[in-house]
Amino acid sequence: MRPEDIDYQRPVAVCSSCSDLAAEMVAALASASIVFKDNKVYSKKLVHGAETLWKFARNQRGSYSAGGVDAATFYNSSMYWDEFVWGGAWLYYATGNQSYLYLASHPTLAKHAGAFWGGPDYGVLSWDNKLTGAQVLLTRLRLFLSPGYPYEQTLKTYHNQTSIVMCSYLPYFTSFNRTRGSKLYTK
C-alpha cells in the first residue's frame, strides 16, 4: 500500500553504528548515480550521499541488528564486511576513485567477508549476503578493464569463485536446495 494511505503506527529505529545498513545504502546510491548519469546534478547528489554514508559506515563500525532492534527478528545481519565490498565496488564504478577499488579488493576485507571459504549461504545473493553480487561486479571489472596490480590476486579469486558459483547453479550440481520446479532456495 502507498505510505500516504497507511493509517497505523510505523515505528522508527535509530542506529548510530550500522555499517551494514549504511554500506548497503552506499551501493544503492552509487548504482543509482550511474543510472542517472545523464542528469549530472542529480547524479552528483547521489554520489555525494553515497560518499557521506561511506564515511559513516567506515567510522561507526557495527551491525544494525546488534542493538536489539525489532528488525533483527526478521532480518538479522550476520556481518558488515560483505556490504563493504559491495558498497566499495559500486562507489568505484560510480566515481572511478581507485581507493574504493583498493578497499573492495583488499585481501583482508575479502577474508573478513568470507570470500575464501564456503558456508551455508555461499553463492546466494540475499539481504544478508552481498558477497556474491560484489564478486560478479568485480569479475566484470577484471574481465573488461583488467586493472592489474595490486588488485589482480583478489580479483582473480573473485573471478574463479564467480565461475564456480555460476556453474553450481546448473541443475546437475547439488550445491543448492531446489524446488520440484528446479528453482533454488535456502533453508
N, C-alpha and C. Protein backbone atom coordinates (compact mmCIF):
# COMPACT_ATOMS: atom_id res chain seq x y z
N MET A 1 0.84 -1.18 0.00
CA MET A 1 0.00 0.00 0.00
C MET A 1 0.88 1.23 0.00
N ARG A 2 0.33 2.31 -0.49
CA ARG A 2 1.08 3.57 -0.54
C ARG A 2 1.29 4.11 0.88
N PRO A 3 2.48 4.66 1.16
CA PRO A 3 2.74 5.18 2.50
C PRO A 3 1.72 6.21 2.95
N GLU A 4 1.22 7.03 2.03
CA GLU A 4 0.26 8.06 2.43
C GLU A 4 -1.10 7.48 2.82
N ASP A 5 -1.35 6.21 2.50
CA ASP A 5 -2.61 5.56 2.86
C ASP A 5 -2.51 4.75 4.15
N ILE A 6 -1.34 4.63 4.71
CA ILE A 6 -1.16 3.84 5.93
C ILE A 6 -1.73 4.62 7.11
N ASP A 7 -2.60 3.96 7.86
CA ASP A 7 -3.25 4.63 8.97
C ASP A 7 -2.90 3.99 10.32
N TYR A 8 -1.77 3.29 10.37
CA TYR A 8 -1.34 2.68 11.63
C TYR A 8 0.09 3.13 11.95
N GLN A 9 0.48 2.91 13.20
CA GLN A 9 1.81 3.33 13.65
C GLN A 9 2.91 2.59 12.90
N ARG A 10 3.92 3.34 12.49
CA ARG A 10 5.10 2.74 11.87
C ARG A 10 6.31 3.18 12.67
N PRO A 11 6.76 2.34 13.59
CA PRO A 11 7.87 2.75 14.46
C PRO A 11 9.16 2.95 13.66
N VAL A 12 9.96 3.88 14.14
CA VAL A 12 11.23 4.20 13.52
C VAL A 12 12.34 3.83 14.50
N ALA A 13 13.39 3.21 14.00
CA ALA A 13 14.53 2.88 14.85
C ALA A 13 15.71 3.75 14.45
N VAL A 14 16.48 4.15 15.42
CA VAL A 14 17.67 4.96 15.18
C VAL A 14 18.89 4.07 15.37
N CYS A 15 19.83 4.19 14.47
CA CYS A 15 21.03 3.36 14.54
C CYS A 15 22.25 4.25 14.44
N SER A 16 23.11 4.17 15.42
CA SER A 16 24.31 5.02 15.41
C SER A 16 25.57 4.25 14.99
N SER A 17 25.48 2.94 14.91
CA SER A 17 26.61 2.14 14.42
C SER A 17 26.04 0.97 13.62
N CYS A 18 25.81 1.24 12.36
CA CYS A 18 25.19 0.22 11.49
C CYS A 18 25.87 0.22 10.13
N SER A 19 27.09 -0.27 10.13
CA SER A 19 27.90 -0.29 8.92
C SER A 19 27.24 -1.06 7.79
N ASP A 20 26.59 -2.17 8.12
CA ASP A 20 25.95 -2.99 7.09
C ASP A 20 24.84 -2.23 6.37
N LEU A 21 23.99 -1.59 7.12
CA LEU A 21 22.89 -0.83 6.55
C LEU A 21 23.40 0.37 5.75
N ALA A 22 24.37 1.09 6.33
CA ALA A 22 24.92 2.26 5.64
C ALA A 22 25.63 1.87 4.34
N ALA A 23 26.42 0.79 4.38
CA ALA A 23 27.14 0.37 3.17
C ALA A 23 26.17 -0.14 2.10
N GLU A 24 25.06 -0.73 2.52
CA GLU A 24 24.03 -1.15 1.56
C GLU A 24 23.40 0.08 0.90
N MET A 25 23.19 1.12 1.67
CA MET A 25 22.65 2.36 1.11
C MET A 25 23.68 3.02 0.19
N VAL A 26 24.95 2.89 0.52
CA VAL A 26 26.02 3.39 -0.35
C VAL A 26 25.92 2.74 -1.72
N ALA A 27 25.77 1.43 -1.74
CA ALA A 27 25.67 0.69 -3.00
C ALA A 27 24.45 1.16 -3.80
N ALA A 28 23.33 1.36 -3.11
CA ALA A 28 22.11 1.80 -3.80
C ALA A 28 22.29 3.19 -4.40
N LEU A 29 22.84 4.11 -3.64
CA LEU A 29 23.03 5.48 -4.14
C LEU A 29 24.07 5.54 -5.26
N ALA A 30 25.17 4.82 -5.08
CA ALA A 30 26.22 4.83 -6.10
C ALA A 30 25.73 4.21 -7.41
N SER A 31 25.00 3.10 -7.32
CA SER A 31 24.49 2.49 -8.55
C SER A 31 23.43 3.38 -9.19
N ALA A 32 22.62 4.04 -8.39
CA ALA A 32 21.62 4.97 -8.93
C ALA A 32 22.30 6.14 -9.63
N SER A 33 23.44 6.58 -9.12
CA SER A 33 24.15 7.69 -9.77
C SER A 33 24.60 7.30 -11.18
N ILE A 34 24.87 6.04 -11.39
CA ILE A 34 25.24 5.55 -12.72
C ILE A 34 24.02 5.54 -13.63
N VAL A 35 22.89 5.10 -13.08
CA VAL A 35 21.65 5.07 -13.85
C VAL A 35 21.27 6.47 -14.31
N PHE A 36 21.45 7.46 -13.43
CA PHE A 36 21.06 8.84 -13.73
C PHE A 36 22.24 9.70 -14.17
N LYS A 37 23.26 9.10 -14.77
CA LYS A 37 24.46 9.87 -15.14
C LYS A 37 24.18 10.97 -16.16
N ASP A 38 23.10 10.85 -16.92
CA ASP A 38 22.77 11.90 -17.88
C ASP A 38 22.27 13.17 -17.19
N ASN A 39 21.76 13.04 -15.98
CA ASN A 39 21.36 14.18 -15.18
C ASN A 39 22.50 14.46 -14.20
N LYS A 40 23.47 15.22 -14.63
CA LYS A 40 24.72 15.40 -13.88
C LYS A 40 24.51 15.94 -12.47
N VAL A 41 23.59 16.87 -12.31
CA VAL A 41 23.36 17.45 -10.98
C VAL A 41 22.83 16.39 -10.01
N TYR A 42 21.83 15.66 -10.46
CA TYR A 42 21.25 14.61 -9.61
C TYR A 42 22.25 13.49 -9.34
N SER A 43 22.99 13.09 -10.36
CA SER A 43 23.99 12.04 -10.22
C SER A 43 25.05 12.45 -9.20
N LYS A 44 25.49 13.70 -9.23
CA LYS A 44 26.48 14.18 -8.26
C LYS A 44 25.92 14.17 -6.83
N LYS A 45 24.63 14.51 -6.68
CA LYS A 45 23.99 14.46 -5.36
C LYS A 45 23.99 13.04 -4.82
N LEU A 46 23.69 12.09 -5.70
CA LEU A 46 23.67 10.69 -5.29
C LEU A 46 25.06 10.23 -4.87
N VAL A 47 26.08 10.60 -5.63
CA VAL A 47 27.46 10.23 -5.28
C VAL A 47 27.86 10.89 -3.97
N HIS A 48 27.50 12.17 -3.79
CA HIS A 48 27.82 12.85 -2.53
C HIS A 48 27.18 12.12 -1.35
N GLY A 49 25.92 11.75 -1.49
CA GLY A 49 25.25 11.00 -0.42
C GLY A 49 25.91 9.66 -0.15
N ALA A 50 26.32 8.97 -1.22
CA ALA A 50 26.98 7.68 -1.07
C ALA A 50 28.32 7.83 -0.35
N GLU A 51 29.08 8.85 -0.72
CA GLU A 51 30.38 9.05 -0.08
C GLU A 51 30.24 9.48 1.39
N THR A 52 29.22 10.25 1.68
CA THR A 52 28.96 10.64 3.07
C THR A 52 28.60 9.42 3.91
N LEU A 53 27.73 8.59 3.38
CA LEU A 53 27.35 7.35 4.09
C LEU A 53 28.54 6.40 4.21
N TRP A 54 29.39 6.39 3.20
CA TRP A 54 30.57 5.53 3.23
C TRP A 54 31.46 5.89 4.42
N LYS A 55 31.66 7.18 4.64
CA LYS A 55 32.47 7.62 5.79
C LYS A 55 31.82 7.19 7.09
N PHE A 56 30.51 7.33 7.18
CA PHE A 56 29.78 6.89 8.37
C PHE A 56 29.96 5.39 8.57
N ALA A 57 29.78 4.60 7.52
CA ALA A 57 29.89 3.14 7.61
C ALA A 57 31.27 2.71 8.08
N ARG A 58 32.29 3.38 7.58
CA ARG A 58 33.67 3.01 7.93
C ARG A 58 34.06 3.49 9.33
N ASN A 59 33.46 4.59 9.78
CA ASN A 59 33.84 5.15 11.08
C ASN A 59 33.00 4.65 12.25
N GLN A 60 31.77 4.28 11.99
CA GLN A 60 30.85 3.83 13.05
C GLN A 60 30.58 2.34 12.90
N ARG A 61 31.59 1.52 13.12
CA ARG A 61 31.50 0.09 12.87
C ARG A 61 30.47 -0.58 13.77
N GLY A 62 29.70 -1.45 13.16
CA GLY A 62 28.72 -2.23 13.90
C GLY A 62 27.62 -2.71 12.99
N SER A 63 26.79 -3.57 13.53
CA SER A 63 25.68 -4.14 12.79
C SER A 63 24.36 -3.56 13.30
N TYR A 64 23.46 -3.26 12.39
CA TYR A 64 22.19 -2.65 12.80
C TYR A 64 21.39 -3.58 13.71
N SER A 65 21.53 -4.88 13.53
CA SER A 65 20.73 -5.80 14.33
C SER A 65 21.35 -6.09 15.69
N ALA A 66 22.58 -5.63 15.93
CA ALA A 66 23.22 -5.87 17.22
C ALA A 66 22.59 -5.06 18.34
N GLY A 67 21.89 -3.99 18.01
CA GLY A 67 21.29 -3.14 19.03
C GLY A 67 19.95 -3.64 19.55
N GLY A 68 19.54 -4.82 19.15
CA GLY A 68 18.29 -5.39 19.64
C GLY A 68 17.05 -4.78 19.02
N VAL A 69 17.17 -4.21 17.83
CA VAL A 69 16.02 -3.63 17.16
C VAL A 69 15.09 -4.72 16.68
N ASP A 70 13.83 -4.38 16.49
CA ASP A 70 12.83 -5.35 16.06
C ASP A 70 13.15 -5.96 14.70
N ALA A 71 13.82 -5.22 13.85
CA ALA A 71 14.16 -5.73 12.52
C ALA A 71 15.02 -6.98 12.61
N ALA A 72 15.81 -7.10 13.67
CA ALA A 72 16.69 -8.26 13.82
C ALA A 72 15.91 -9.57 13.90
N THR A 73 14.66 -9.51 14.33
CA THR A 73 13.83 -10.71 14.40
C THR A 73 13.64 -11.32 13.03
N PHE A 74 13.51 -10.48 12.02
CA PHE A 74 13.25 -10.96 10.67
C PHE A 74 14.46 -10.83 9.75
N TYR A 75 15.26 -9.79 9.95
CA TYR A 75 16.38 -9.51 9.07
C TYR A 75 17.66 -9.33 9.87
N ASN A 76 18.06 -10.37 10.57
CA ASN A 76 19.27 -10.29 11.36
C ASN A 76 20.48 -10.21 10.44
N SER A 77 21.42 -9.37 10.79
CA SER A 77 22.62 -9.21 9.99
C SER A 77 23.77 -9.97 10.64
N SER A 78 24.42 -10.82 9.85
CA SER A 78 25.49 -11.63 10.41
C SER A 78 26.85 -10.90 10.42
N MET A 79 27.03 -9.92 9.51
CA MET A 79 28.28 -9.16 9.45
C MET A 79 28.10 -7.98 8.51
N TYR A 80 29.11 -7.13 8.45
CA TYR A 80 29.04 -5.97 7.56
C TYR A 80 30.15 -5.96 6.52
N TRP A 81 31.05 -6.91 6.55
CA TRP A 81 32.19 -6.92 5.63
C TRP A 81 31.77 -7.09 4.18
N ASP A 82 30.78 -7.93 3.93
CA ASP A 82 30.33 -8.14 2.55
C ASP A 82 29.70 -6.86 1.99
N GLU A 83 29.02 -6.10 2.83
CA GLU A 83 28.47 -4.82 2.39
C GLU A 83 29.57 -3.81 2.09
N PHE A 84 30.71 -3.90 2.81
CA PHE A 84 31.85 -3.03 2.50
C PHE A 84 32.38 -3.32 1.10
N VAL A 85 32.49 -4.60 0.76
CA VAL A 85 32.96 -4.97 -0.58
C VAL A 85 31.95 -4.49 -1.62
N TRP A 86 30.68 -4.71 -1.36
CA TRP A 86 29.58 -4.33 -2.26
C TRP A 86 29.53 -2.81 -2.46
N GLY A 87 29.52 -2.07 -1.36
CA GLY A 87 29.47 -0.61 -1.44
C GLY A 87 30.72 -0.03 -2.08
N GLY A 88 31.89 -0.57 -1.73
CA GLY A 88 33.14 -0.10 -2.32
C GLY A 88 33.20 -0.33 -3.82
N ALA A 89 32.72 -1.49 -4.26
CA ALA A 89 32.71 -1.79 -5.69
C ALA A 89 31.81 -0.81 -6.45
N TRP A 90 30.61 -0.56 -5.92
CA TRP A 90 29.71 0.38 -6.59
C TRP A 90 30.25 1.80 -6.58
N LEU A 91 30.88 2.19 -5.46
CA LEU A 91 31.47 3.53 -5.42
C LEU A 91 32.60 3.67 -6.43
N TYR A 92 33.37 2.61 -6.62
CA TYR A 92 34.42 2.67 -7.64
C TYR A 92 33.80 2.86 -9.02
N TYR A 93 32.76 2.09 -9.33
CA TYR A 93 32.11 2.23 -10.63
C TYR A 93 31.51 3.63 -10.81
N ALA A 94 30.98 4.19 -9.73
CA ALA A 94 30.33 5.50 -9.83
C ALA A 94 31.33 6.65 -9.92
N THR A 95 32.49 6.50 -9.28
CA THR A 95 33.42 7.62 -9.20
C THR A 95 34.73 7.42 -9.96
N GLY A 96 35.14 6.18 -10.14
CA GLY A 96 36.45 5.91 -10.72
C GLY A 96 37.59 6.10 -9.72
N ASN A 97 37.25 6.37 -8.46
CA ASN A 97 38.24 6.59 -7.42
C ASN A 97 38.88 5.25 -7.03
N GLN A 98 40.18 5.13 -7.26
CA GLN A 98 40.91 3.88 -7.02
C GLN A 98 40.89 3.44 -5.56
N SER A 99 40.72 4.37 -4.63
CA SER A 99 40.73 3.97 -3.22
C SER A 99 39.56 3.04 -2.90
N TYR A 100 38.44 3.21 -3.57
CA TYR A 100 37.30 2.32 -3.35
C TYR A 100 37.59 0.93 -3.90
N LEU A 101 38.22 0.86 -5.05
CA LEU A 101 38.61 -0.43 -5.63
C LEU A 101 39.64 -1.11 -4.75
N TYR A 102 40.59 -0.33 -4.24
CA TYR A 102 41.61 -0.88 -3.36
C TYR A 102 40.97 -1.56 -2.16
N LEU A 103 40.01 -0.88 -1.55
CA LEU A 103 39.35 -1.46 -0.39
C LEU A 103 38.51 -2.67 -0.77
N ALA A 104 37.73 -2.58 -1.84
CA ALA A 104 36.84 -3.68 -2.24
C ALA A 104 37.62 -4.93 -2.64
N SER A 105 38.87 -4.76 -3.03
CA SER A 105 39.66 -5.91 -3.46
C SER A 105 40.80 -6.22 -2.49
N HIS A 106 40.78 -5.62 -1.34
CA HIS A 106 41.84 -5.87 -0.36
C HIS A 106 41.67 -7.28 0.23
N PRO A 107 42.75 -8.06 0.27
CA PRO A 107 42.64 -9.44 0.76
C PRO A 107 42.09 -9.57 2.19
N THR A 108 42.43 -8.64 3.06
CA THR A 108 41.94 -8.72 4.44
C THR A 108 40.43 -8.52 4.49
N LEU A 109 39.93 -7.54 3.76
CA LEU A 109 38.49 -7.31 3.71
C LEU A 109 37.78 -8.50 3.09
N ALA A 110 38.36 -9.04 2.00
CA ALA A 110 37.78 -10.21 1.35
C ALA A 110 37.72 -11.39 2.32
N LYS A 111 38.76 -11.55 3.10
CA LYS A 111 38.79 -12.64 4.09
C LYS A 111 37.69 -12.46 5.13
N HIS A 112 37.56 -11.25 5.67
CA HIS A 112 36.52 -10.98 6.67
C HIS A 112 35.12 -11.18 6.08
N ALA A 113 34.96 -10.88 4.79
CA ALA A 113 33.66 -11.02 4.13
C ALA A 113 33.32 -12.48 3.81
N GLY A 114 34.29 -13.38 4.00
CA GLY A 114 34.04 -14.79 3.74
C GLY A 114 34.31 -15.21 2.31
N ALA A 115 35.13 -14.43 1.60
CA ALA A 115 35.37 -14.73 0.18
C ALA A 115 36.22 -15.98 -0.02
N PHE A 116 36.93 -16.43 0.99
CA PHE A 116 37.84 -17.56 0.82
C PHE A 116 37.35 -18.83 1.48
N TRP A 117 36.09 -18.86 1.84
CA TRP A 117 35.51 -20.07 2.42
C TRP A 117 34.07 -20.19 1.98
N GLY A 118 33.53 -21.37 2.11
CA GLY A 118 32.16 -21.63 1.68
C GLY A 118 31.14 -21.10 2.66
N GLY A 119 30.48 -21.98 3.35
CA GLY A 119 29.46 -21.58 4.30
C GLY A 119 28.08 -21.86 3.74
N PRO A 120 27.08 -21.85 4.58
CA PRO A 120 25.74 -22.26 4.17
C PRO A 120 25.10 -21.36 3.11
N ASP A 121 25.44 -20.10 3.08
CA ASP A 121 24.82 -19.18 2.12
C ASP A 121 25.78 -18.77 1.00
N TYR A 122 26.89 -19.49 0.86
CA TYR A 122 27.87 -19.14 -0.16
C TYR A 122 27.24 -19.26 -1.54
N GLY A 123 27.36 -18.21 -2.32
CA GLY A 123 26.82 -18.21 -3.67
C GLY A 123 25.39 -17.74 -3.77
N VAL A 124 24.78 -17.37 -2.64
CA VAL A 124 23.40 -16.91 -2.63
C VAL A 124 23.38 -15.41 -2.32
N LEU A 125 22.87 -14.61 -3.25
CA LEU A 125 22.74 -13.18 -3.01
C LEU A 125 21.45 -12.96 -2.22
N SER A 126 21.58 -12.32 -1.07
CA SER A 126 20.40 -12.09 -0.22
C SER A 126 20.58 -10.80 0.54
N TRP A 127 19.60 -10.46 1.36
CA TRP A 127 19.67 -9.26 2.17
C TRP A 127 20.84 -9.33 3.14
N ASP A 128 21.30 -10.52 3.49
CA ASP A 128 22.38 -10.68 4.45
C ASP A 128 23.69 -11.11 3.79
N ASN A 129 23.71 -11.26 2.49
CA ASN A 129 24.92 -11.72 1.83
C ASN A 129 25.07 -11.02 0.48
N LYS A 130 25.91 -10.03 0.44
CA LYS A 130 26.15 -9.28 -0.80
C LYS A 130 27.43 -9.71 -1.49
N LEU A 131 28.15 -10.67 -0.90
CA LEU A 131 29.44 -11.07 -1.43
C LEU A 131 29.33 -11.60 -2.86
N THR A 132 28.35 -12.44 -3.14
CA THR A 132 28.21 -13.00 -4.49
C THR A 132 28.00 -11.90 -5.52
N GLY A 133 27.14 -10.94 -5.22
CA GLY A 133 26.91 -9.83 -6.14
C GLY A 133 28.16 -8.99 -6.33
N ALA A 134 28.88 -8.74 -5.24
CA ALA A 134 30.12 -7.97 -5.33
C ALA A 134 31.16 -8.71 -6.16
N GLN A 135 31.24 -10.02 -6.00
CA GLN A 135 32.20 -10.80 -6.77
C GLN A 135 31.87 -10.76 -8.26
N VAL A 136 30.59 -10.84 -8.60
CA VAL A 136 30.20 -10.74 -10.01
C VAL A 136 30.56 -9.36 -10.56
N LEU A 137 30.26 -8.33 -9.80
CA LEU A 137 30.56 -6.96 -10.22
C LEU A 137 32.06 -6.74 -10.42
N LEU A 138 32.86 -7.26 -9.51
CA LEU A 138 34.30 -7.09 -9.62
C LEU A 138 34.92 -8.02 -10.66
N THR A 139 34.27 -9.15 -10.92
CA THR A 139 34.72 -10.02 -12.01
C THR A 139 34.54 -9.31 -13.34
N ARG A 140 33.43 -8.60 -13.48
CA ARG A 140 33.20 -7.81 -14.70
C ARG A 140 34.33 -6.79 -14.89
N LEU A 141 34.72 -6.16 -13.81
CA LEU A 141 35.82 -5.20 -13.86
C LEU A 141 37.10 -5.88 -14.34
N ARG A 142 37.39 -7.05 -13.78
CA ARG A 142 38.61 -7.77 -14.17
C ARG A 142 38.57 -8.17 -15.63
N LEU A 143 37.44 -8.66 -16.09
CA LEU A 143 37.33 -9.13 -17.47
C LEU A 143 37.43 -8.01 -18.50
N PHE A 144 36.79 -6.87 -18.20
CA PHE A 144 36.72 -5.81 -19.19
C PHE A 144 37.78 -4.72 -19.05
N LEU A 145 38.27 -4.49 -17.84
CA LEU A 145 39.22 -3.39 -17.64
C LEU A 145 40.60 -3.85 -17.16
N SER A 146 40.68 -5.05 -16.62
CA SER A 146 41.93 -5.64 -16.16
C SER A 146 42.82 -4.63 -15.44
N PRO A 147 42.44 -4.23 -14.22
CA PRO A 147 43.20 -3.19 -13.53
C PRO A 147 44.60 -3.61 -13.07
N GLY A 148 44.89 -4.91 -13.04
CA GLY A 148 46.23 -5.37 -12.68
C GLY A 148 46.59 -5.18 -11.22
N TYR A 149 47.90 -5.05 -10.98
CA TYR A 149 48.41 -4.91 -9.62
C TYR A 149 47.94 -3.60 -9.00
N PRO A 150 47.58 -3.53 -7.74
CA PRO A 150 47.63 -4.52 -6.68
C PRO A 150 46.33 -5.31 -6.53
N TYR A 151 45.45 -5.19 -7.48
CA TYR A 151 44.11 -5.77 -7.36
C TYR A 151 44.00 -7.19 -7.91
N GLU A 152 44.92 -7.57 -8.76
CA GLU A 152 44.77 -8.78 -9.56
C GLU A 152 44.52 -10.04 -8.74
N GLN A 153 45.27 -10.27 -7.68
CA GLN A 153 45.14 -11.53 -6.96
C GLN A 153 43.73 -11.73 -6.38
N THR A 154 43.20 -10.72 -5.73
CA THR A 154 41.86 -10.85 -5.15
C THR A 154 40.81 -10.89 -6.25
N LEU A 155 40.97 -10.06 -7.29
CA LEU A 155 40.01 -10.08 -8.40
C LEU A 155 40.03 -11.43 -9.12
N LYS A 156 41.18 -12.03 -9.22
CA LYS A 156 41.28 -13.37 -9.82
C LYS A 156 40.53 -14.39 -8.97
N THR A 157 40.68 -14.28 -7.64
CA THR A 157 39.94 -15.17 -6.74
C THR A 157 38.45 -14.96 -6.89
N TYR A 158 38.01 -13.70 -6.93
CA TYR A 158 36.58 -13.41 -7.14
C TYR A 158 36.10 -14.01 -8.46
N HIS A 159 36.90 -13.87 -9.51
CA HIS A 159 36.55 -14.39 -10.83
C HIS A 159 36.40 -15.92 -10.77
N ASN A 160 37.36 -16.61 -10.16
CA ASN A 160 37.28 -18.06 -10.05
C ASN A 160 36.05 -18.49 -9.26
N GLN A 161 35.79 -17.80 -8.16
CA GLN A 161 34.64 -18.16 -7.34
C GLN A 161 33.33 -17.86 -8.05
N THR A 162 33.29 -16.78 -8.82
CA THR A 162 32.09 -16.48 -9.60
C THR A 162 31.83 -17.58 -10.62
N SER A 163 32.88 -18.06 -11.26
CA SER A 163 32.73 -19.16 -12.22
C SER A 163 32.20 -20.41 -11.55
N ILE A 164 32.73 -20.73 -10.38
CA ILE A 164 32.27 -21.92 -9.65
C ILE A 164 30.81 -21.77 -9.25
N VAL A 165 30.45 -20.60 -8.72
CA VAL A 165 29.06 -20.37 -8.29
C VAL A 165 28.12 -20.46 -9.48
N MET A 166 28.47 -19.83 -10.59
CA MET A 166 27.60 -19.87 -11.77
C MET A 166 27.40 -21.30 -12.25
N CYS A 167 28.48 -22.08 -12.25
CA CYS A 167 28.34 -23.49 -12.66
C CYS A 167 27.49 -24.27 -11.66
N SER A 168 27.60 -23.93 -10.37
CA SER A 168 26.83 -24.67 -9.36
C SER A 168 25.33 -24.43 -9.48
N TYR A 169 24.94 -23.37 -10.19
CA TYR A 169 23.52 -23.13 -10.40
C TYR A 169 22.91 -24.10 -11.42
N LEU A 170 23.76 -24.75 -12.20
CA LEU A 170 23.26 -25.69 -13.21
C LEU A 170 22.56 -26.86 -12.52
N PRO A 171 21.50 -27.38 -13.13
CA PRO A 171 20.67 -28.41 -12.47
C PRO A 171 21.40 -29.68 -12.06
N TYR A 172 22.46 -30.06 -12.74
CA TYR A 172 23.09 -31.33 -12.38
C TYR A 172 24.07 -31.23 -11.23
N PHE A 173 24.23 -30.05 -10.65
CA PHE A 173 25.00 -29.89 -9.43
C PHE A 173 24.04 -29.86 -8.25
N THR A 174 24.50 -30.34 -7.12
CA THR A 174 23.62 -30.41 -5.95
C THR A 174 24.06 -29.44 -4.86
N SER A 175 24.63 -28.33 -5.23
CA SER A 175 25.12 -27.35 -4.26
C SER A 175 24.00 -26.64 -3.52
N PHE A 176 22.84 -26.50 -4.17
CA PHE A 176 21.73 -25.75 -3.59
C PHE A 176 20.49 -26.61 -3.50
N ASN A 177 19.63 -26.26 -2.55
CA ASN A 177 18.32 -26.90 -2.47
C ASN A 177 17.47 -26.41 -3.63
N ARG A 178 16.63 -27.28 -4.15
CA ARG A 178 15.79 -26.94 -5.29
C ARG A 178 14.35 -27.37 -5.05
N THR A 179 13.44 -26.59 -5.59
CA THR A 179 12.04 -26.98 -5.57
C THR A 179 11.83 -28.05 -6.63
N ARG A 180 10.65 -28.63 -6.68
CA ARG A 180 10.37 -29.62 -7.73
C ARG A 180 10.45 -28.99 -9.12
N GLY A 181 10.26 -27.68 -9.21
CA GLY A 181 10.36 -26.96 -10.47
C GLY A 181 11.78 -26.47 -10.76
N SER A 182 12.76 -26.93 -9.96
CA SER A 182 14.19 -26.61 -10.13
C SER A 182 14.58 -25.20 -9.75
N LYS A 183 13.75 -24.49 -8.99
CA LYS A 183 14.14 -23.16 -8.51
C LYS A 183 15.00 -23.34 -7.25
N LEU A 184 15.99 -22.48 -7.10
CA LEU A 184 16.88 -22.55 -5.95
C LEU A 184 16.23 -21.91 -4.73
N TYR A 185 16.51 -22.47 -3.55
CA TYR A 185 16.05 -21.85 -2.31
C TYR A 185 17.01 -22.21 -1.20
N THR A 186 16.99 -21.39 -0.15
CA THR A 186 17.82 -21.67 1.03
C THR A 186 16.89 -22.00 2.17
N LYS A 187 17.41 -22.74 3.10
CA LYS A 187 16.61 -23.12 4.27
C LYS A 187 16.71 -22.09 5.35
